Amino acid sequence: MSDRDPELTCNVDGCNAWKQNGFENCYHHKGVSDDGSSHKNNDNAVSHGLYQSKETFLANAKDHHKDTYYALHESLCSDYEAKFGDLPTHIKKKLADIALDMVRVDMGDEYEAKNAADPEAPLTEMDTQMGESGPWEKEVTSKVETIKTNINRETRLALKDIGLYNSPESQKADSMADIAQLWEEDLRS
């Protein structure tokens, strides 16, 4: 039998590990439901939501996140149709993924604001470490910021591939082409 305080250890029978970050269970068991099993689309182990599947997001997200997701998806689809006409099913699915990624970034912002070690510096957060004497906290760089940066980069590239993202460089190139075309027309007249 362990001399660890039962209030601070995992609730799963036979596990004596420390509870993790406010969960009732340890790191290895934090996704387990009260009945001892892990159910499809549960969000028991979710902290920031950036790795959730679309199905888990739709099953568990707050209403304002779902509303934002549906509004972004509708807006992206409308933009595509206005620019290219018909909206193929595979593009519609890709736009749904992009909308979800955009909402994930918002969720990351909310998580950082809520968990920041210093509200003036949301790029750091408190991380619970486990030691022999029990859990303790230290200030660390937010992992969420790196994830958000990766999501933003992938979203930008996906929108560019689909033809809905005009980078400043491509806008400048289009403007230069328009000017060149006007000069050419002026020289011909």
C-alpha atoms as a PDB file:
ATOM      1  CA  MET A   1       0.000   0.000   0.000  1.00  0.00           C
ATOM      2  CA  SER A   2       1.257   3.482  -0.853  1.00  0.00           C
ATOM      3  CA  ASP A   3       1.652   6.333   1.583  1.00  0.00           C
ATOM      4  CA  ARG A   4       0.438   8.847  -1.054  1.00  0.00           C
ATOM      5  CA  ASP A   5      -2.641  10.879  -0.240  1.00  0.00           C
ATOM      6  CA  PRO A   6      -5.643   9.198  -1.989  1.00  0.00           C
ATOM      7  CA  GLU A   7      -7.038  12.661  -2.783  1.00  0.00           C
ATOM      8  CA  LEU A   8      -4.011  13.334  -4.988  1.00  0.00           C
ATOM      9  CA  THR A   9      -3.754   9.973  -6.764  1.00  0.00           C
ATOM     10  CA  CYS A  10      -5.540   8.473  -9.763  1.00  0.00           C
ATOM     11  CA  ASN A  11      -9.083   7.166  -9.222  1.00  0.00           C
ATOM     12  CA  VAL A  12      -8.545   4.064 -11.405  1.00  0.00           C
ATOM     13  CA  ASP A  13      -8.320   0.899  -9.292  1.00  0.00           C
ATOM     14  CA  GLY A  14      -4.765  -0.319  -8.899  1.00  0.00           C
ATOM     15  CA  CYS A  15      -3.189   2.910 -10.195  1.00  0.00           C
ATOM     16  CA  ASN A  16      -1.179   4.931  -7.700  1.00  0.00           C
ATOM     17  CA  ALA A  17       0.032   7.708 -10.044  1.00  0.00           C
ATOM     18  CA  TRP A  18      -0.540  11.387  -9.278  1.00  0.00           C
ATOM     19  CA  LYS A  19      -3.682  13.064 -10.648  1.00  0.00           C
ATOM     20  CA  GLN A  20      -2.995  15.249 -13.666  1.00  0.00           C
ATOM     21  CA  ASN A  21      -3.902  18.934 -14.126  1.00  0.00           C
ATOM     22  CA  GLY A  22      -7.247  18.960 -12.351  1.00  0.00           C
ATOM     23  CA  PHE A  23      -8.422  15.622 -13.765  1.00  0.00           C
ATOM     24  CA  GLU A  24      -9.651  12.871 -11.499  1.00  0.00           C
ATOM     25  CA  ASN A  25      -7.129  10.478 -13.014  1.00  0.00           C
ATOM     26  CA  CYS A  26      -3.443  10.362 -13.889  1.00  0.00           C
ATOM     27  CA  TYR A  27      -1.885  11.234 -17.252  1.00  0.00           C
ATOM     28  CA  HIS A  28      -2.424   7.699 -18.596  1.00  0.00           C
ATOM     29  CA  HIS A  29      -6.040   7.419 -17.421  1.00  0.00           C
ATOM     30  CA  LYS A  30      -7.264  11.007 -17.914  1.00  0.00           C
ATOM     31  CA  GLY A  31      -9.427  10.056 -20.928  1.00  0.00           C
ATOM     32  CA  VAL A  32     -11.285   7.337 -19.043  1.00  0.00           C
ATOM     33  CA  SER A  33     -14.943   7.928 -18.165  1.00  0.00           C
ATOM     34  CA  ASP A  34     -16.374   7.354 -14.695  1.00  0.00           C
ATOM     35  CA  ASP A  35     -17.415   3.840 -15.691  1.00  0.00           C
ATOM     36  CA  GLY A  36     -13.775   2.920 -16.425  1.00  0.00           C
ATOM     37  CA  SER A  37     -13.954   2.928 -20.218  1.00  0.00           C
ATOM     38  CA  SER A  38     -13.229   5.420 -22.971  1.00  0.00           C
ATOM     39  CA  HIS A  39     -16.305   6.258 -25.025  1.00  0.00           C
ATOM     40  CA  LYS A  40     -16.321   7.481 -28.626  1.00  0.00           C
ATOM     41  CA  ASN A  41     -16.160  11.281 -28.933  1.00  0.00           C
ATOM     42  CA  ASN A  42     -15.656  11.895 -25.211  1.00  0.00           C
ATOM     43  CA  ASP A  43     -13.704  14.978 -24.297  1.00  0.00           C
ATOM     44  CA  ASN A  44     -12.504  13.842 -20.883  1.00  0.00           C
ATOM     45  CA  ALA A  45      -8.827  14.483 -21.656  1.00  0.00           C
ATOM     46  CA  VAL A  46      -9.332  17.682 -23.643  1.00  0.00           C
ATOM     47  CA  SER A  47      -7.494  20.705 -22.368  1.00  0.00           C
ATOM     48  CA  HIS A  48      -7.390  23.117 -25.329  1.00  0.00           C
ATOM     49  CA  GLY A  49      -9.241  21.194 -28.061  1.00  0.00           C
ATOM     50  CA  LEU A  50      -6.639  21.686 -30.774  1.00  0.00           C
ATOM     51  CA  TYR A  51      -6.281  17.962 -31.489  1.00  0.00           C
ATOM     52  CA  GLN A  52      -9.967  17.018 -31.438  1.00  0.00           C
ATOM     53  CA  SER A  53     -11.438  15.186 -34.390  1.00  0.00           C
ATOM     54  CA  LYS A  54     -14.257  16.895 -36.241  1.00  0.00           C
ATOM     55  CA  GLU A  55     -16.760  14.430 -34.776  1.00  0.00           C
ATOM     56  CA  THR A  56     -15.581  15.031 -31.204  1.00  0.00           C
ATOM     57  CA  PHE A  57     -15.620  18.792 -31.794  1.00  0.00           C
ATOM     58  CA  LEU A  58     -19.212  18.711 -33.084  1.00  0.00           C
ATOM     59  CA  ALA A  59     -20.320  16.441 -30.230  1.00  0.00           C
ATOM     60  CA  ASN A  60     -18.757  18.521 -27.426  1.00  0.00           C
ATOM     61  CA  ALA A  61     -17.974  22.071 -28.556  1.00  0.00           C
ATOM     62  CA  LYS A  62     -19.568  25.110 -26.961  1.00  0.00           C
ATOM     63  CA  ASP A  63     -22.380  26.652 -28.986  1.00  0.00           C
ATOM     64  CA  HIS A  64     -20.404  29.767 -29.911  1.00  0.00           C
ATOM     65  CA  HIS A  65     -17.601  27.594 -31.328  1.00  0.00           C
ATOM     66  CA  LYS A  66     -20.087  25.562 -33.365  1.00  0.00           C
ATOM     67  CA  ASP A  67     -21.783  28.745 -34.611  1.00  0.00           C
ATOM     68  CA  THR A  68     -18.419  30.160 -35.642  1.00  0.00           C
ATOM     69  CA  TYR A  69     -17.533  26.906 -37.412  1.00  0.00           C
ATOM     70  CA  TYR A  70     -20.780  26.825 -39.407  1.00  0.00           C
ATOM     71  CA  ALA A  71     -20.532  30.543 -40.268  1.00  0.00           C
ATOM     72  CA  LEU A  72     -16.917  30.197 -41.443  1.00  0.00           C
ATOM     73  CA  HIS A  73     -17.742  27.116 -43.508  1.00  0.00           C
ATOM     74  CA  GLU A  74     -20.704  28.846 -45.137  1.00  0.00           C
ATOM     75  CA  SER A  75     -18.606  31.945 -45.844  1.00  0.00           C
ATOM     76  CA  LEU A  76     -15.755  29.933 -47.380  1.00  0.00           C
ATOM     77  CA  CYS A  77     -18.207  27.977 -49.549  1.00  0.00           C
ATOM     78  CA  SER A  78     -19.873  31.217 -50.702  1.00  0.00           C
ATOM     79  CA  ASP A  79     -16.488  32.751 -51.529  1.00  0.00           C
ATOM     80  CA  TYR A  80     -15.536  29.675 -53.552  1.00  0.00           C
ATOM     81  CA  GLU A  81     -18.835  29.659 -55.452  1.00  0.00           C
ATOM     82  CA  ALA A  82     -18.561  33.393 -56.178  1.00  0.00           C
ATOM     83  CA  LYS A  83     -15.061  32.949 -57.561  1.00  0.00           C
ATOM     84  CA  PHE A  84     -15.298  29.581 -59.352  1.00  0.00           C
ATOM     85  CA  GLY A  85     -18.990  28.662 -59.744  1.00  0.00           C
ATOM     86  CA  ASP A  86     -19.868  25.089 -58.795  1.00  0.00           C
ATOM     87  CA  LEU A  87     -18.639  23.776 -55.448  1.00  0.00           C
ATOM     88  CA  PRO A  88     -17.392  20.166 -55.761  1.00  0.00           C
ATOM     89  CA  THR A  89     -17.988  17.889 -52.781  1.00  0.00           C
ATOM     90  CA  HIS A  90     -14.263  17.336 -52.144  1.00  0.00           C
ATOM     91  CA  ILE A  91     -13.678  21.109 -51.998  1.00  0.00           C
ATOM     92  CA  LYS A  92     -16.654  21.535 -49.649  1.00  0.00           C
ATOM     93  CA  LYS A  93     -15.139  18.914 -47.321  1.00  0.00           C
ATOM     94  CA  LYS A  94     -11.744  20.625 -47.488  1.00  0.00           C
ATOM     95  CA  LEU A  95     -13.371  23.981 -46.670  1.00  0.00           C
ATOM     96  CA  ALA A  96     -15.072  22.334 -43.655  1.00  0.00           C
ATOM     97  CA  ASP A  97     -11.641  21.198 -42.434  1.00  0.00           C
ATOM     98  CA  ILE A  98     -10.252  24.700 -42.930  1.00  0.00           C
ATOM     99  CA  ALA A  99     -13.191  26.233 -41.004  1.00  0.00           C
ATOM    100  CA  LEU A 100     -12.575  23.765 -38.162  1.00  0.00           C
ATOM    101  CA  ASP A 101      -8.899  24.712 -38.072  1.00  0.00           C
ATOM    102  CA  MET A 102      -9.832  28.396 -37.885  1.00  0.00           C
ATOM    103  CA  VAL A 103     -12.099  27.674 -34.896  1.00  0.00           C
ATOM    104  CA  ARG A 104      -9.320  25.635 -33.297  1.00  0.00           C
ATOM    105  CA  VAL A 105      -7.086  28.697 -33.397  1.00  0.00           C
ATOM    106  CA  ASP A 106      -9.820  30.689 -31.624  1.00  0.00           C
ATOM    107  CA  MET A 107     -10.106  27.919 -29.038  1.00  0.00           C
ATOM    108  CA  GLY A 108      -6.331  28.077 -28.576  1.00  0.00           C
ATOM    109  CA  ASP A 109      -6.542  31.831 -27.995  1.00  0.00           C
ATOM    110  CA  GLU A 110      -9.207  31.277 -25.338  1.00  0.00           C
ATOM    111  CA  TYR A 111      -7.146  28.538 -23.699  1.00  0.00           C
ATOM    112  CA  GLU A 112      -4.046  30.743 -23.605  1.00  0.00           C
ATOM    113  CA  ALA A 113      -5.964  33.672 -22.124  1.00  0.00           C
ATOM    114  CA  LYS A 114      -7.480  31.430 -19.443  1.00  0.00           C
ATOM    115  CA  ASN A 115      -4.267  29.552 -18.572  1.00  0.00           C
ATOM    116  CA  ALA A 116      -1.629  32.233 -18.984  1.00  0.00           C
ATOM    117  CA  ALA A 117       0.810  32.550 -16.126  1.00  0.00           C
ATOM    118  CA  ASP A 118       0.645  36.291 -16.691  1.00  0.00           C
ATOM    119  CA  PRO A 119      -2.424  37.810 -18.435  1.00  0.00           C
ATOM    120  CA  GLU A 120      -0.092  40.353 -20.062  1.00  0.00           C
ATOM    121  CA  ALA A 121       2.032  37.518 -21.542  1.00  0.00           C
ATOM    122  CA  PRO A 122      -0.299  34.752 -22.761  1.00  0.00           C
ATOM    123  CA  LEU A 123       2.586  32.878 -24.383  1.00  0.00           C
ATOM    124  CA  THR A 124       3.485  31.291 -21.053  1.00  0.00           C
ATOM    125  CA  GLU A 125       1.409  29.039 -18.834  1.00  0.00           C
ATOM    126  CA  MET A 126       1.698  27.125 -15.607  1.00  0.00           C
ATOM    127  CA  ASP A 127       2.529  23.447 -16.036  1.00  0.00           C
ATOM    128  CA  THR A 128       1.997  20.893 -13.291  1.00  0.00           C
ATOM    129  CA  GLN A 129       5.055  18.729 -12.694  1.00  0.00           C
ATOM    130  CA  MET A 130       5.037  15.541 -10.648  1.00  0.00           C
ATOM    131  CA  GLY A 131       7.662  14.955  -7.994  1.00  0.00           C
ATOM    132  CA  GLU A 132       8.106  12.494  -5.166  1.00  0.00           C
ATOM    133  CA  SER A 133       6.606  14.997  -2.753  1.00  0.00           C
ATOM    134  CA  GLY A 134       3.604  15.562  -5.013  1.00  0.00           C
ATOM    135  CA  PRO A 135       2.619  17.933  -7.775  1.00  0.00           C
ATOM    136  CA  TRP A 136       4.169  21.388  -8.213  1.00  0.00           C
ATOM    137  CA  GLU A 137       3.829  24.082 -10.874  1.00  0.00           C
ATOM    138  CA  LYS A 138       6.320  25.974 -13.014  1.00  0.00           C
ATOM    139  CA  GLU A 139       5.994  28.605 -15.721  1.00  0.00           C
ATOM    140  CA  VAL A 140       6.656  27.261 -19.236  1.00  0.00           C
ATOM    141  CA  THR A 141       6.306  28.463 -22.816  1.00  0.00           C
ATOM    142  CA  SER A 142       2.847  27.700 -24.157  1.00  0.00           C
ATOM    143  CA  LYS A 143       2.725  24.646 -26.405  1.00  0.00           C
ATOM    144  CA  VAL A 144      -0.578  25.962 -27.725  1.00  0.00           C
ATOM    145  CA  GLU A 145       1.149  28.880 -29.483  1.00  0.00           C
ATOM    146  CA  THR A 146       3.281  26.491 -31.545  1.00  0.00           C
ATOM    147  CA  ILE A 147       0.237  24.422 -32.464  1.00  0.00           C
ATOM    148  CA  LYS A 148      -1.682  27.565 -33.477  1.00  0.00           C
ATOM    149  CA  THR A 149       1.213  28.731 -35.655  1.00  0.00           C
ATOM    150  CA  ASN A 150       1.286  25.366 -37.431  1.00  0.00           C
ATOM    151  CA  ILE A 151      -2.489  25.411 -37.942  1.00  0.00           C
ATOM    152  CA  ASN A 152      -2.360  28.959 -39.339  1.00  0.00           C
ATOM    153  CA  ARG A 153       0.399  28.009 -41.784  1.00  0.00           C
ATOM    154  CA  GLU A 154      -1.456  24.909 -42.968  1.00  0.00           C
ATOM    155  CA  THR A 155      -4.727  26.847 -43.293  1.00  0.00           C
ATOM    156  CA  ARG A 156      -3.051  29.558 -45.350  1.00  0.00           C
ATOM    157  CA  LEU A 157      -1.464  26.970 -47.663  1.00  0.00           C
ATOM    158  CA  ALA A 158      -4.737  25.057 -48.050  1.00  0.00           C
ATOM    159  CA  LEU A 159      -6.656  28.246 -48.928  1.00  0.00           C
ATOM    160  CA  LYS A 160      -3.928  29.179 -51.403  1.00  0.00           C
ATOM    161  CA  ASP A 161      -4.103  25.715 -53.023  1.00  0.00           C
ATOM    162  CA  ILE A 162      -7.874  26.040 -53.386  1.00  0.00           C
ATOM    163  CA  GLY A 163      -7.505  29.548 -54.810  1.00  0.00           C
ATOM    164  CA  LEU A 164      -9.178  31.508 -52.004  1.00  0.00           C
ATOM    165  CA  TYR A 165      -6.089  33.062 -50.414  1.00  0.00           C
ATOM    166  CA  ASN A 166      -4.377  35.945 -52.091  1.00  0.00           C
ATOM    167  CA  SER A 167      -1.076  36.630 -50.427  1.00  0.00           C
ATOM    168  CA  PRO A 168       0.297  40.151 -50.560  1.00  0.00           C
ATOM    169  CA  GLU A 169       2.922  38.923 -53.033  1.00  0.00           C
ATOM    170  CA  SER A 170       0.318  37.461 -55.407  1.00  0.00           C
ATOM    171  CA  GLN A 171      -1.804  40.613 -55.125  1.00  0.00           C
ATOM    172  CA  LYS A 172       1.240  42.704 -56.062  1.00  0.00           C
ATOM    173  CA  ALA A 173       1.999  40.392 -58.993  1.00  0.00           C
ATOM    174  CA  ASP A 174      -1.615  40.678 -60.199  1.00  0.00           C
ATOM    175  CA  SER A 175      -1.430  44.468 -59.949  1.00  0.00           C
ATOM    176  CA  MET A 176       1.829  44.544 -61.904  1.00  0.00           C
ATOM    177  CA  ALA A 177       0.284  42.324 -64.585  1.00  0.00           C
ATOM    178  CA  ASP A 178      -2.717  44.660 -64.798  1.00  0.00           C
ATOM    179  CA  ILE A 179      -0.426  47.681 -65.182  1.00  0.00           C
ATOM    180  CA  ALA A 180       1.615  45.892 -67.858  1.00  0.00           C
ATOM    181  CA  GLN A 181      -1.577  45.004 -69.722  1.00  0.00           C
ATOM    182  CA  LEU A 182      -2.764  48.635 -69.600  1.00  0.00           C
ATOM    183  CA  TRP A 183       0.595  49.878 -70.916  1.00  0.00           C
ATOM    184  CA  GLU A 184       0.504  47.320 -73.699  1.00  0.00           C
ATOM    185  CA  GLU A 185      -3.020  48.393 -74.679  1.00  0.00           C
ATOM    186  CA  ASP A 186      -1.973  52.054 -74.516  1.00  0.00           C
ATOM    187  CA  LEU A 187       1.031  51.409 -76.776  1.00  0.00           C
ATOM    188  CA  ARG A 188      -1.162  49.649 -79.345  1.00  0.00           C
ATOM    189  CA  SER A 189      -3.609  52.553 -79.597  1.00  0.00           C
END
